[in-house]
Each structure stands twice: as C-alpha cells, then as structure tokens.
Protein backbone atom coordinates (compact mmCIF):
# COMPACT_ATOMS: atom_id res chain seq x y z
CA MET A 1 87.27 92.72 132.26
CA VAL A 2 86.83 91.34 135.84
CA LYS A 3 89.70 88.84 137.08
CA THR A 4 88.91 85.30 138.64
CA SER A 5 91.66 87.05 141.32
CA ASP A 6 89.06 90.27 141.80
CA ILE A 7 85.73 88.62 142.11
CA ASN A 8 86.65 88.18 145.34
CA GLN A 9 86.43 91.47 146.65
CA LEU A 10 83.38 92.86 144.27
CA SER A 11 79.70 94.40 146.16
CA GLU A 12 76.68 93.11 146.43
CA ALA A 13 75.92 95.71 143.28
CA ALA A 14 78.56 95.36 141.70
CA LEU A 15 78.56 91.25 140.96
CA ILE A 16 74.68 91.90 140.04
CA ARG A 17 76.24 94.37 137.04
CA GLU A 18 78.45 91.60 136.04
CA VAL A 19 75.54 89.28 135.69
CA HIS A 20 73.67 92.11 134.21
CA ALA A 21 76.70 91.54 131.82
CA LYS A 22 76.23 88.01 130.83
CA ASN A 23 79.80 87.11 132.96
CA ARG A 24 80.14 83.31 132.65
CA LEU A 25 83.11 83.85 135.33
CA VAL A 26 80.62 85.76 138.21
CA PHE A 27 77.80 84.30 138.06
CA THR A 28 79.20 80.83 138.08
CA PHE A 29 81.23 82.96 141.33
CA VAL A 30 77.23 83.96 142.56
CA TYR A 31 75.98 79.76 141.87
CA GLU A 32 79.02 78.15 144.56
CA ARG A 33 78.63 80.90 146.82
CA HIS A 34 75.60 80.83 147.37
CA PHE A 35 74.31 77.09 146.58
CA GLN A 36 74.66 75.52 149.55
CA GLU A 37 73.37 77.68 152.37
CA LEU A 38 69.91 78.21 149.36
CA ALA A 39 69.68 74.50 148.75
CA MET A 40 69.55 74.28 152.96
CA THR A 41 66.67 77.11 152.62
CA ALA A 42 64.88 75.02 149.89
CA PHE A 43 65.21 71.89 152.00
CA ARG A 44 63.53 72.97 155.14
CA TYR A 45 60.37 73.39 152.96
CA VAL A 46 60.19 71.04 150.74
CA LYS A 47 61.87 68.18 152.90
CA ASP A 48 63.64 66.59 150.15
CA ALA A 49 67.90 67.54 148.86
CA GLY A 50 67.34 66.44 145.22
CA ILE A 51 64.49 68.05 144.46
CA ALA A 52 65.70 71.34 146.92
CA GLN A 53 69.16 71.48 144.87
CA GLU A 54 66.95 71.49 141.78
CA LEU A 55 65.08 73.96 142.67
CA VAL A 56 68.02 76.47 143.23
CA GLN A 57 69.57 75.68 140.26
CA GLU A 58 65.53 76.68 138.31
CA VAL A 59 66.10 80.28 140.53
CA PHE A 60 69.79 80.53 138.93
CA ILE A 61 68.57 79.22 135.61
CA LYS A 62 66.30 82.00 135.22
CA ILE A 63 68.22 84.74 136.67
CA TRP A 64 70.92 84.27 133.85
CA GLU A 65 68.07 84.04 131.14
CA GLN A 66 66.62 87.19 132.72
CA PRO A 67 68.66 88.89 134.78
CA ALA A 68 67.15 91.99 134.30
CA LEU A 69 65.43 90.14 137.56
CA LEU A 70 67.74 91.46 139.34
CA ASP A 71 67.76 95.06 140.79
CA GLU A 72 71.39 96.69 140.43
CA ASN A 73 70.27 98.80 143.74
CA GLY A 74 69.03 95.70 145.67
CA ALA A 75 70.95 93.21 147.47
CA LEU A 76 72.51 90.28 146.07
CA ARG A 77 71.67 87.21 148.81
CA ALA A 78 68.62 88.59 150.32
CA TYR A 79 66.92 88.37 146.65
CA LEU A 80 68.17 84.63 145.97
CA TYR A 81 67.18 83.64 149.33
CA LYS A 82 63.46 85.18 148.53
CA ALA A 83 63.57 83.95 145.09
CA VAL A 84 64.02 80.34 146.20
CA ILE A 85 61.34 80.42 149.54
CA ASN A 86 59.20 81.31 146.48
CA HIS A 87 59.99 79.21 144.38
CA ALA A 88 59.78 75.61 146.72
CA ILE A 89 56.74 77.57 148.32
CA ASN A 90 55.36 77.56 144.72
CA TYR A 91 56.77 73.46 144.05
CA LEU A 92 54.88 73.04 147.08
CA LYS A 93 51.34 73.73 146.48
CA ARG A 94 51.57 72.92 142.90
CA GLU A 95 52.09 69.28 144.24
CA LYS A 96 49.31 69.47 146.78
CA ASN A 97 46.78 71.26 143.61
CA ILE A 98 48.37 68.02 141.95
CA ALA A 99 47.51 65.60 144.59
CA ARG A 100 44.56 66.89 145.33
CA HIS A 101 43.81 66.46 142.51
CA HIS A 102 44.73 62.75 142.00
CA SER A 103 42.46 62.30 145.60
CA LEU A 104 39.91 63.77 143.52
CA ILE A 105 40.41 61.51 140.62
CA ALA A 106 40.54 58.55 142.99
CA ALA A 107 37.31 59.29 145.11
CA SER A 108 35.05 58.79 141.78
CA LEU A 109 36.20 56.12 140.76
CA THR A 110 33.28 54.24 142.00
CA ASP A 111 32.32 50.73 141.60
CA SER A 112 28.65 53.17 139.98
CA TYR A 113 30.88 55.18 138.14
CA LEU A 114 33.60 51.75 136.29
CA GLN A 115 30.16 50.30 135.51
CA ASP A 116 29.41 53.14 133.49
CA LEU A 117 32.87 53.81 132.11
CA GLN A 118 32.83 49.79 130.72
CA GLU A 119 28.80 49.84 129.89
CA GLU A 120 30.12 52.51 127.46
CA GLN A 121 33.27 51.34 126.21
CA GLU A 122 31.13 48.38 125.55
CA LEU A 123 28.40 50.50 123.41
CA LYS A 124 31.31 52.68 121.81
CA LEU A 125 32.66 48.62 120.69
CA LEU A 126 29.63 47.56 118.92
CA ILE A 127 28.78 50.67 116.97
CA TYR A 128 32.30 50.14 115.84
CA GLN A 129 31.41 46.61 114.71
CA GLU A 130 28.12 47.85 112.78
CA ILE A 131 30.60 50.42 111.05
CA GLU A 132 33.03 47.84 109.76
CA LYS A 133 29.84 45.59 108.29
CA LEU A 134 29.07 48.15 105.73
CA PRO A 135 30.03 47.95 102.24
CA ARG A 136 33.79 49.27 101.87
CA GLN A 137 33.37 51.79 100.07
CA CYS A 138 31.21 53.23 102.40
CA CYS A 139 32.37 51.58 105.03
CA LYS A 140 36.46 54.01 104.21
CA VAL A 141 33.69 57.17 103.73
CA PHE A 142 32.27 57.36 106.48
CA LYS A 143 35.17 56.09 109.10
CA MET A 144 37.43 59.53 106.90
CA SER A 145 33.78 62.02 107.60
CA ARG A 146 33.71 60.52 111.12
CA PHE A 147 36.50 59.49 112.20
CA ASP A 148 39.36 61.90 110.47
CA GLY A 149 37.29 64.99 110.49
CA LEU A 150 37.46 65.01 106.86
CA LYS A 151 34.60 68.05 104.64
CA TYR A 152 33.25 65.82 101.54
CA ARG A 153 34.82 67.68 99.42
CA GLU A 154 38.48 66.18 100.80
CA ILE A 155 36.96 62.82 100.92
CA ALA A 156 35.75 63.38 97.28
CA ASP A 157 39.24 64.46 95.80
CA GLN A 158 40.52 61.69 97.75
CA LEU A 159 38.57 58.93 96.46
CA SER A 160 38.29 60.27 93.08
CA LEU A 161 34.42 60.72 94.20
CA SER A 162 31.49 64.02 93.87
CA GLU A 163 30.50 64.98 96.48
CA LYS A 164 26.93 63.93 95.77
CA THR A 165 28.08 60.70 96.19
CA VAL A 166 30.30 60.71 99.58
CA GLU A 167 27.57 62.45 100.71
CA ASN A 168 24.98 59.70 99.10
CA HIS A 169 27.54 57.38 101.02
CA ILE A 170 26.85 58.95 104.80
CA ILE A 171 23.72 58.76 104.54
CA HIS A 172 23.24 55.56 103.56
CA ALA A 173 25.34 54.63 106.48
CA LEU A 174 23.83 56.57 108.95
CA LYS A 175 20.48 54.94 108.11
CA VAL A 176 22.20 51.20 107.91
CA LEU A 177 23.58 51.64 111.43
CA ARG A 178 20.21 52.96 113.21
CA GLU A 179 18.64 50.15 111.79
CA ASN A 180 21.35 47.80 112.37
CA LEU A 181 21.90 48.92 116.34
CA PHE A 182 18.01 49.81 117.27
CA TYR A 183 15.94 47.25 115.25
CA ARG A 184 16.83 44.16 113.36
CA GLN A 185 19.69 43.48 116.88
CA HIS A 186 20.77 43.51 120.31
CA ASN A 187 17.14 43.62 121.80
CA SER A 188 17.65 41.85 125.13
CA ARG A 189 19.42 45.79 125.67
CA ASP A 190 17.38 47.52 128.56
CA TYR A 191 16.18 51.00 128.59
CA THR A 192 19.28 52.61 130.12
CA ALA A 193 21.49 51.03 127.98
CA ASN A 194 19.30 52.02 124.79
CA LEU A 195 18.66 54.98 125.89
CA LYS A 196 23.14 55.67 126.04
CA LEU A 197 23.66 54.16 122.65
CA MET A 198 21.30 56.72 121.51
CA GLN A 199 23.58 59.17 123.00
CA LEU A 200 26.67 57.62 120.77
CA PHE A 201 25.03 57.09 117.70
CA LEU A 202 23.62 60.73 118.37
CA LEU A 203 27.26 62.00 118.32
CA VAL A 204 27.84 59.84 115.41
CA ALA A 205 26.00 60.70 113.68
CA GLY A 206 26.70 64.75 114.17
CA GLU A 207 24.10 66.87 111.56
CA LEU A 208 22.83 64.17 108.71
CA LEU A 209 20.77 62.48 111.66
CA THR A 210 17.80 65.47 110.84
CA GLN A 211 17.71 64.24 106.94
CA LEU A 212 17.21 60.38 108.27
C-alpha cells in the first residue's frame, strides 16, 4: 500500500499502476495535481470555465471507470492533456451539430409550413371528433385497435367479445367514418384539404379499408 507521504515521489509509470489498481489516494492526487491546468487547457477551446471544468471531470471519471485506458508504459500528463483536448473538440463538434440542427428547424418554419401543419392538426381533430360520435362500444373497440395497437384477440379478451364481433365493430366504424367525413358533411373543403383528409384517414383505416 502506497503511503500518502510517498505519493509525490512516485514516477508517472508508478502512478498509472496505482490508478490501474483503483488506489483512491493516488487517483485523487493525480486529479488535484492536474485539474487546474487541464481546465485551463479545455477553456482555450470551449471558452466557458464551467464547461471546461465539467469536461475535465468527465475525463477523470472515464479513467476511474476504465483505468485500462492509461497505458502503463505511457506518459500520464501527456495522456491527460490529449484526452481533455479531444473531449473539448468533440464537445464543440456536438454543439455545432446541435446548433446546425436547430438552425435547419428554424429555417423550415415558414408561413407555408406552419399553415400546412395547422391545417393537418385541424383535419386530425375532425377525424377524432367523428370517432367520438360512434356508438359507445364501437368507439371503444375502434380506439383500442387503432390508438392502443391491440390485436383483435386482445380486444376480444378484454371486452368479453368474439373476434368476429370486434372485426364487425371495426368495419362498421370505418364505414361510418368514411361516410361522415367525405359524403354527408364538410362539403366546403377544397380539393387539397380533402386529399390531406383522405391521407390521414388512410392511416387510421389501415388494412381494413380494402374490405369496405
């Protein structure tokens, strides 16, 4: 066991061996000995003292968790500098990518995009309102199938129904929805709105549309 009074006399190779052995006293010594200079190095890249300190701490945490990262025949101080600089550069790359992503999102928020998004939400709401108008049991079965993703057998078991009854409820729901959405009401919608509504309805209708 290395004594506290002797740690300062250890070579870099000996310090690395002790870190490999999970010697907390030696690890703390290395941390305290190099932290400030490493934080200053990271600051040169990230220009933020708090972030620089966090990056150095993350490097030391990784070393503690994976001491094998330190080569026993390597130079400890040089490794720490290289690890911190690489971590700072990766941080900047990540932040740049995030900023670019946010910039692309902001650029896509044109008036036309927002208008289309609002119209789509209104059409979705229209479909949901029509679903709520279905007979109670039919509505329940339909939502369990289309919104909860349950299979006919699962719905049948939960509601004490036969699978055929569940299927009939779904078929009836789709017939009523199609009729109410496209034939009986809302004739003031233009062609584009009707097309979008049909696309949304197809997502809800799924594979059973071919049976109608």
